[in-house]
Amino acid sequence: MPVEVTWWGHATCTLEDSHTRVLTDPLFARRLAHLRRRRGAVPPPEALRADVALVSHLHSDHLHLPSLARLAPGTRLLVPRGALRAVPGLRRLTALDVTEMAPGDVTSV
């Protein structure tokens, strides 16, 4: 089965391979500060379904708490090491399985 990649805008993508869905930098809003969607609608609800969501770094357009709160309960969320300390709001996302990772760390999904 080929890898399927769906770009939802900015840095948000879904990658699906062998029935495993990875969601990158979820941003499901029309506008955030100076960023706004110029083309296309906010991604549909099925875009929120992922086996794992990956946050690349702690800028608010990549770690968007309201978008992360919309992920399905039990979704595994990979964040940079130190994110739970730096962004206290992450600790309120108790429905997600948050894992901090450092550069070079490896995990299985």
N, C-alpha and C. Protein backbone atom coordinates (compact mmCIF):
# COMPACT_ATOMS: atom_id res chain seq x y z
N MET A 1 0.85 -1.18 0.00
CA MET A 1 0.00 0.00 0.00
C MET A 1 0.89 1.24 0.00
N PRO A 2 0.64 2.20 -0.86
CA PRO A 2 1.45 3.41 -0.88
C PRO A 2 1.15 4.29 0.33
N VAL A 3 2.10 5.12 0.68
CA VAL A 3 1.91 6.10 1.75
C VAL A 3 1.02 7.20 1.19
N GLU A 4 -0.01 7.57 1.95
CA GLU A 4 -0.89 8.66 1.55
C GLU A 4 -0.58 9.88 2.41
N VAL A 5 -0.44 11.03 1.77
CA VAL A 5 -0.17 12.28 2.47
C VAL A 5 -1.26 13.27 2.11
N THR A 6 -1.91 13.82 3.13
CA THR A 6 -2.93 14.85 2.92
C THR A 6 -2.45 16.11 3.63
N TRP A 7 -2.31 17.18 2.87
CA TRP A 7 -1.90 18.47 3.44
C TRP A 7 -3.15 19.25 3.78
N TRP A 8 -3.26 19.70 5.05
CA TRP A 8 -4.44 20.42 5.51
C TRP A 8 -4.18 21.92 5.61
N GLY A 9 -2.97 22.34 5.37
CA GLY A 9 -2.61 23.75 5.46
C GLY A 9 -1.52 23.97 6.49
N HIS A 10 -0.73 25.02 6.27
CA HIS A 10 0.41 25.38 7.10
C HIS A 10 1.29 24.14 7.28
N ALA A 11 1.48 23.65 8.49
CA ALA A 11 2.33 22.47 8.72
C ALA A 11 1.51 21.24 9.07
N THR A 12 0.21 21.31 8.92
CA THR A 12 -0.66 20.20 9.30
C THR A 12 -0.83 19.24 8.13
N CYS A 13 -0.40 18.01 8.36
CA CYS A 13 -0.52 16.94 7.36
C CYS A 13 -0.95 15.66 8.05
N THR A 14 -1.63 14.81 7.29
CA THR A 14 -1.89 13.45 7.72
C THR A 14 -1.08 12.54 6.81
N LEU A 15 -0.32 11.65 7.41
CA LEU A 15 0.41 10.63 6.67
C LEU A 15 -0.16 9.29 7.07
N GLU A 16 -0.53 8.48 6.10
CA GLU A 16 -1.10 7.17 6.40
C GLU A 16 -0.30 6.11 5.67
N ASP A 17 0.16 5.12 6.43
CA ASP A 17 0.93 4.01 5.89
C ASP A 17 0.53 2.75 6.65
N SER A 18 0.15 1.72 5.92
CA SER A 18 -0.23 0.44 6.53
C SER A 18 -1.26 0.63 7.63
N HIS A 19 -2.25 1.46 7.37
CA HIS A 19 -3.38 1.71 8.28
C HIS A 19 -2.96 2.43 9.57
N THR A 20 -1.81 3.07 9.57
CA THR A 20 -1.38 3.89 10.70
C THR A 20 -1.41 5.35 10.25
N ARG A 21 -2.11 6.18 11.04
CA ARG A 21 -2.26 7.60 10.69
C ARG A 21 -1.44 8.47 11.64
N VAL A 22 -0.59 9.32 11.04
CA VAL A 22 0.23 10.27 11.77
C VAL A 22 -0.24 11.67 11.38
N LEU A 23 -0.51 12.48 12.37
CA LEU A 23 -0.96 13.85 12.15
C LEU A 23 0.15 14.79 12.64
N THR A 24 0.57 15.73 11.78
CA THR A 24 1.65 16.64 12.16
C THR A 24 1.09 18.01 12.51
N ASP A 25 1.62 18.60 13.55
CA ASP A 25 1.33 19.98 13.95
C ASP A 25 -0.12 20.39 13.73
N PRO A 26 -1.06 19.75 14.44
CA PRO A 26 -2.49 20.03 14.20
C PRO A 26 -2.86 21.50 14.43
N LEU A 27 -3.38 22.12 13.40
CA LEU A 27 -3.90 23.48 13.49
C LEU A 27 -5.23 23.49 12.75
N PHE A 28 -6.32 23.42 13.50
CA PHE A 28 -7.66 23.34 12.93
C PHE A 28 -8.44 24.61 13.26
N ALA A 29 -7.92 25.72 12.77
CA ALA A 29 -8.56 27.02 13.00
C ALA A 29 -8.49 27.82 11.71
N ARG A 30 -9.41 28.73 11.55
CA ARG A 30 -9.39 29.62 10.38
C ARG A 30 -8.26 30.65 10.48
N ARG A 31 -7.98 31.05 11.73
CA ARG A 31 -7.01 32.12 11.92
C ARG A 31 -6.30 31.93 13.27
N LEU A 32 -5.03 32.28 13.28
CA LEU A 32 -4.25 32.28 14.51
C LEU A 32 -3.24 33.41 14.39
N ALA A 33 -3.43 34.44 15.18
CA ALA A 33 -2.57 35.64 15.12
C ALA A 33 -2.52 36.14 13.68
N HIS A 34 -1.34 36.22 13.10
CA HIS A 34 -1.19 36.75 11.75
C HIS A 34 -1.46 35.71 10.67
N LEU A 35 -1.61 34.44 11.05
CA LEU A 35 -1.87 33.38 10.07
C LEU A 35 -3.36 33.25 9.82
N ARG A 36 -3.73 33.10 8.56
CA ARG A 36 -5.13 32.83 8.25
C ARG A 36 -5.18 31.95 7.00
N ARG A 37 -6.22 31.14 6.95
CA ARG A 37 -6.40 30.26 5.79
C ARG A 37 -6.82 31.11 4.61
N ARG A 38 -6.07 31.03 3.56
CA ARG A 38 -6.41 31.78 2.35
C ARG A 38 -7.21 30.92 1.38
N ARG A 39 -6.96 29.63 1.40
CA ARG A 39 -7.66 28.72 0.50
C ARG A 39 -8.10 27.50 1.29
N GLY A 40 -9.24 27.00 0.94
CA GLY A 40 -9.72 25.79 1.58
C GLY A 40 -10.37 26.05 2.92
N ALA A 41 -11.16 25.11 3.29
CA ALA A 41 -11.88 25.18 4.57
C ALA A 41 -11.03 24.59 5.68
N VAL A 42 -11.46 24.80 6.90
CA VAL A 42 -10.86 24.13 8.04
C VAL A 42 -11.02 22.63 7.78
N PRO A 43 -10.01 21.83 8.08
CA PRO A 43 -10.10 20.39 7.79
C PRO A 43 -11.35 19.75 8.39
N PRO A 44 -11.88 18.73 7.72
CA PRO A 44 -13.09 18.06 8.20
C PRO A 44 -12.81 17.24 9.46
N PRO A 45 -13.86 16.84 10.16
CA PRO A 45 -13.70 16.09 11.41
C PRO A 45 -12.84 14.83 11.27
N GLU A 46 -12.89 14.16 10.12
CA GLU A 46 -12.09 12.93 9.98
C GLU A 46 -10.58 13.23 10.03
N ALA A 47 -10.20 14.47 9.79
CA ALA A 47 -8.78 14.84 9.89
C ALA A 47 -8.29 14.77 11.33
N LEU A 48 -9.20 14.81 12.29
CA LEU A 48 -8.84 14.76 13.70
C LEU A 48 -8.47 13.36 14.17
N ARG A 49 -8.77 12.35 13.35
CA ARG A 49 -8.50 10.96 13.74
C ARG A 49 -7.06 10.61 13.38
N ALA A 50 -6.29 10.20 14.38
CA ALA A 50 -4.91 9.81 14.16
C ALA A 50 -4.49 8.80 15.22
N ASP A 51 -3.56 7.95 14.86
CA ASP A 51 -2.98 7.04 15.84
C ASP A 51 -1.96 7.77 16.70
N VAL A 52 -1.31 8.75 16.08
CA VAL A 52 -0.34 9.56 16.80
C VAL A 52 -0.33 10.95 16.17
N ALA A 53 -0.21 11.97 17.02
CA ALA A 53 -0.06 13.34 16.55
C ALA A 53 1.32 13.81 16.99
N LEU A 54 1.98 14.52 16.10
CA LEU A 54 3.35 14.97 16.34
C LEU A 54 3.40 16.49 16.33
N VAL A 55 3.95 17.06 17.39
CA VAL A 55 4.16 18.50 17.47
C VAL A 55 5.66 18.74 17.29
N SER A 56 6.02 19.48 16.24
CA SER A 56 7.44 19.64 15.90
C SER A 56 8.17 20.60 16.83
N HIS A 57 7.50 21.66 17.27
CA HIS A 57 8.12 22.63 18.16
C HIS A 57 7.02 23.44 18.86
N LEU A 58 7.42 24.30 19.78
CA LEU A 58 6.46 24.90 20.71
C LEU A 58 5.88 26.24 20.27
N HIS A 59 6.05 26.64 19.03
CA HIS A 59 5.37 27.86 18.56
C HIS A 59 3.87 27.59 18.53
N SER A 60 3.08 28.61 18.82
CA SER A 60 1.63 28.41 18.97
C SER A 60 0.94 27.99 17.68
N ASP A 61 1.56 28.18 16.52
CA ASP A 61 0.95 27.72 15.27
C ASP A 61 1.29 26.26 14.98
N HIS A 62 2.07 25.63 15.85
CA HIS A 62 2.39 24.22 15.72
C HIS A 62 1.88 23.44 16.93
N LEU A 63 1.92 24.07 18.09
CA LEU A 63 1.35 23.50 19.30
C LEU A 63 0.15 24.38 19.65
N HIS A 64 -0.98 24.08 19.02
CA HIS A 64 -2.20 24.87 19.18
C HIS A 64 -3.13 24.10 20.11
N LEU A 65 -3.20 24.53 21.36
CA LEU A 65 -3.95 23.78 22.38
C LEU A 65 -5.41 23.55 22.00
N PRO A 66 -6.14 24.54 21.48
CA PRO A 66 -7.54 24.25 21.11
C PRO A 66 -7.66 23.16 20.05
N SER A 67 -6.75 23.11 19.11
CA SER A 67 -6.79 22.04 18.10
C SER A 67 -6.44 20.69 18.72
N LEU A 68 -5.44 20.67 19.59
CA LEU A 68 -5.07 19.41 20.25
C LEU A 68 -6.21 18.89 21.12
N ALA A 69 -6.95 19.79 21.74
CA ALA A 69 -8.07 19.38 22.59
C ALA A 69 -9.18 18.70 21.80
N ARG A 70 -9.21 18.92 20.49
CA ARG A 70 -10.24 18.30 19.65
C ARG A 70 -9.88 16.89 19.20
N LEU A 71 -8.63 16.45 19.44
CA LEU A 71 -8.24 15.10 19.05
C LEU A 71 -9.01 14.07 19.86
N ALA A 72 -9.18 12.91 19.28
CA ALA A 72 -9.93 11.84 19.95
C ALA A 72 -9.25 11.43 21.25
N PRO A 73 -10.03 11.13 22.27
CA PRO A 73 -9.45 10.65 23.53
C PRO A 73 -8.57 9.43 23.26
N GLY A 74 -7.44 9.39 23.95
CA GLY A 74 -6.51 8.28 23.80
C GLY A 74 -5.48 8.47 22.70
N THR A 75 -5.62 9.55 21.91
CA THR A 75 -4.63 9.81 20.86
C THR A 75 -3.27 10.02 21.50
N ARG A 76 -2.27 9.38 20.95
CA ARG A 76 -0.91 9.57 21.44
C ARG A 76 -0.37 10.88 20.86
N LEU A 77 0.20 11.71 21.70
CA LEU A 77 0.71 13.01 21.30
C LEU A 77 2.19 13.07 21.63
N LEU A 78 3.02 13.24 20.60
CA LEU A 78 4.46 13.36 20.79
C LEU A 78 4.84 14.83 20.75
N VAL A 79 5.50 15.29 21.80
CA VAL A 79 5.89 16.70 21.92
C VAL A 79 7.37 16.78 22.26
N PRO A 80 8.00 17.92 21.98
CA PRO A 80 9.41 18.07 22.34
C PRO A 80 9.62 17.97 23.85
N ARG A 81 10.77 17.42 24.24
CA ARG A 81 11.12 17.33 25.66
C ARG A 81 11.07 18.72 26.28
N GLY A 82 10.45 18.82 27.45
CA GLY A 82 10.32 20.09 28.15
C GLY A 82 9.01 20.80 27.87
N ALA A 83 8.21 20.27 26.94
CA ALA A 83 6.96 20.93 26.56
C ALA A 83 5.97 20.99 27.73
N LEU A 84 5.89 19.93 28.52
CA LEU A 84 4.93 19.92 29.63
C LEU A 84 5.27 20.98 30.67
N ARG A 85 6.55 21.27 30.82
CA ARG A 85 6.98 22.32 31.75
C ARG A 85 6.77 23.70 31.13
N ALA A 86 7.08 23.83 29.85
CA ALA A 86 7.02 25.13 29.18
C ALA A 86 5.61 25.57 28.83
N VAL A 87 4.72 24.62 28.60
CA VAL A 87 3.34 24.92 28.18
C VAL A 87 2.40 24.20 29.16
N PRO A 88 2.09 24.83 30.29
CA PRO A 88 1.26 24.19 31.31
C PRO A 88 -0.09 23.71 30.80
N GLY A 89 -0.63 24.37 29.78
CA GLY A 89 -1.92 23.95 29.22
C GLY A 89 -1.91 22.54 28.68
N LEU A 90 -0.76 22.02 28.32
CA LEU A 90 -0.67 20.63 27.84
C LEU A 90 -1.10 19.65 28.92
N ARG A 91 -0.83 19.98 30.17
CA ARG A 91 -1.19 19.07 31.27
C ARG A 91 -2.70 18.96 31.45
N ARG A 92 -3.44 19.94 30.90
CA ARG A 92 -4.91 19.88 31.00
C ARG A 92 -5.52 18.97 29.94
N LEU A 93 -4.73 18.52 28.98
CA LEU A 93 -5.23 17.63 27.92
C LEU A 93 -5.14 16.19 28.40
N THR A 94 -5.86 15.90 29.46
CA THR A 94 -5.75 14.59 30.13
C THR A 94 -6.29 13.45 29.29
N ALA A 95 -7.08 13.73 28.26
CA ALA A 95 -7.62 12.66 27.41
C ALA A 95 -6.58 12.15 26.42
N LEU A 96 -5.47 12.88 26.27
CA LEU A 96 -4.42 12.48 25.33
C LEU A 96 -3.29 11.79 26.07
N ASP A 97 -2.58 10.92 25.36
CA ASP A 97 -1.43 10.21 25.89
C ASP A 97 -0.18 10.98 25.46
N VAL A 98 0.27 11.92 26.28
CA VAL A 98 1.36 12.83 25.92
C VAL A 98 2.71 12.19 26.25
N THR A 99 3.61 12.19 25.26
CA THR A 99 4.96 11.67 25.42
C THR A 99 5.94 12.73 24.97
N GLU A 100 6.88 13.08 25.85
CA GLU A 100 7.93 14.02 25.48
C GLU A 100 9.09 13.25 24.83
N MET A 101 9.67 13.87 23.79
CA MET A 101 10.78 13.23 23.07
C MET A 101 11.89 14.25 22.85
N ALA A 102 13.11 13.78 22.90
CA ALA A 102 14.29 14.60 22.62
C ALA A 102 14.78 14.30 21.21
N PRO A 103 15.57 15.18 20.62
CA PRO A 103 16.13 14.89 19.30
C PRO A 103 16.86 13.54 19.33
N GLY A 104 16.59 12.72 18.33
CA GLY A 104 17.22 11.41 18.22
C GLY A 104 16.44 10.29 18.89
N ASP A 105 15.46 10.62 19.74
CA ASP A 105 14.64 9.58 20.36
C ASP A 105 13.86 8.84 19.28
N VAL A 106 13.59 7.58 19.53
CA VAL A 106 12.83 6.74 18.60
C VAL A 106 11.67 6.13 19.37
N THR A 107 10.52 6.03 18.72
CA THR A 107 9.36 5.39 19.32
C THR A 107 8.64 4.59 18.25
N SER A 108 7.85 3.64 18.67
CA SER A 108 7.04 2.84 17.75
C SER A 108 5.59 3.21 17.90
N VAL A 109 4.87 3.17 16.79
CA VAL A 109 3.44 3.44 16.78
C VAL A 109 2.74 2.21 16.25
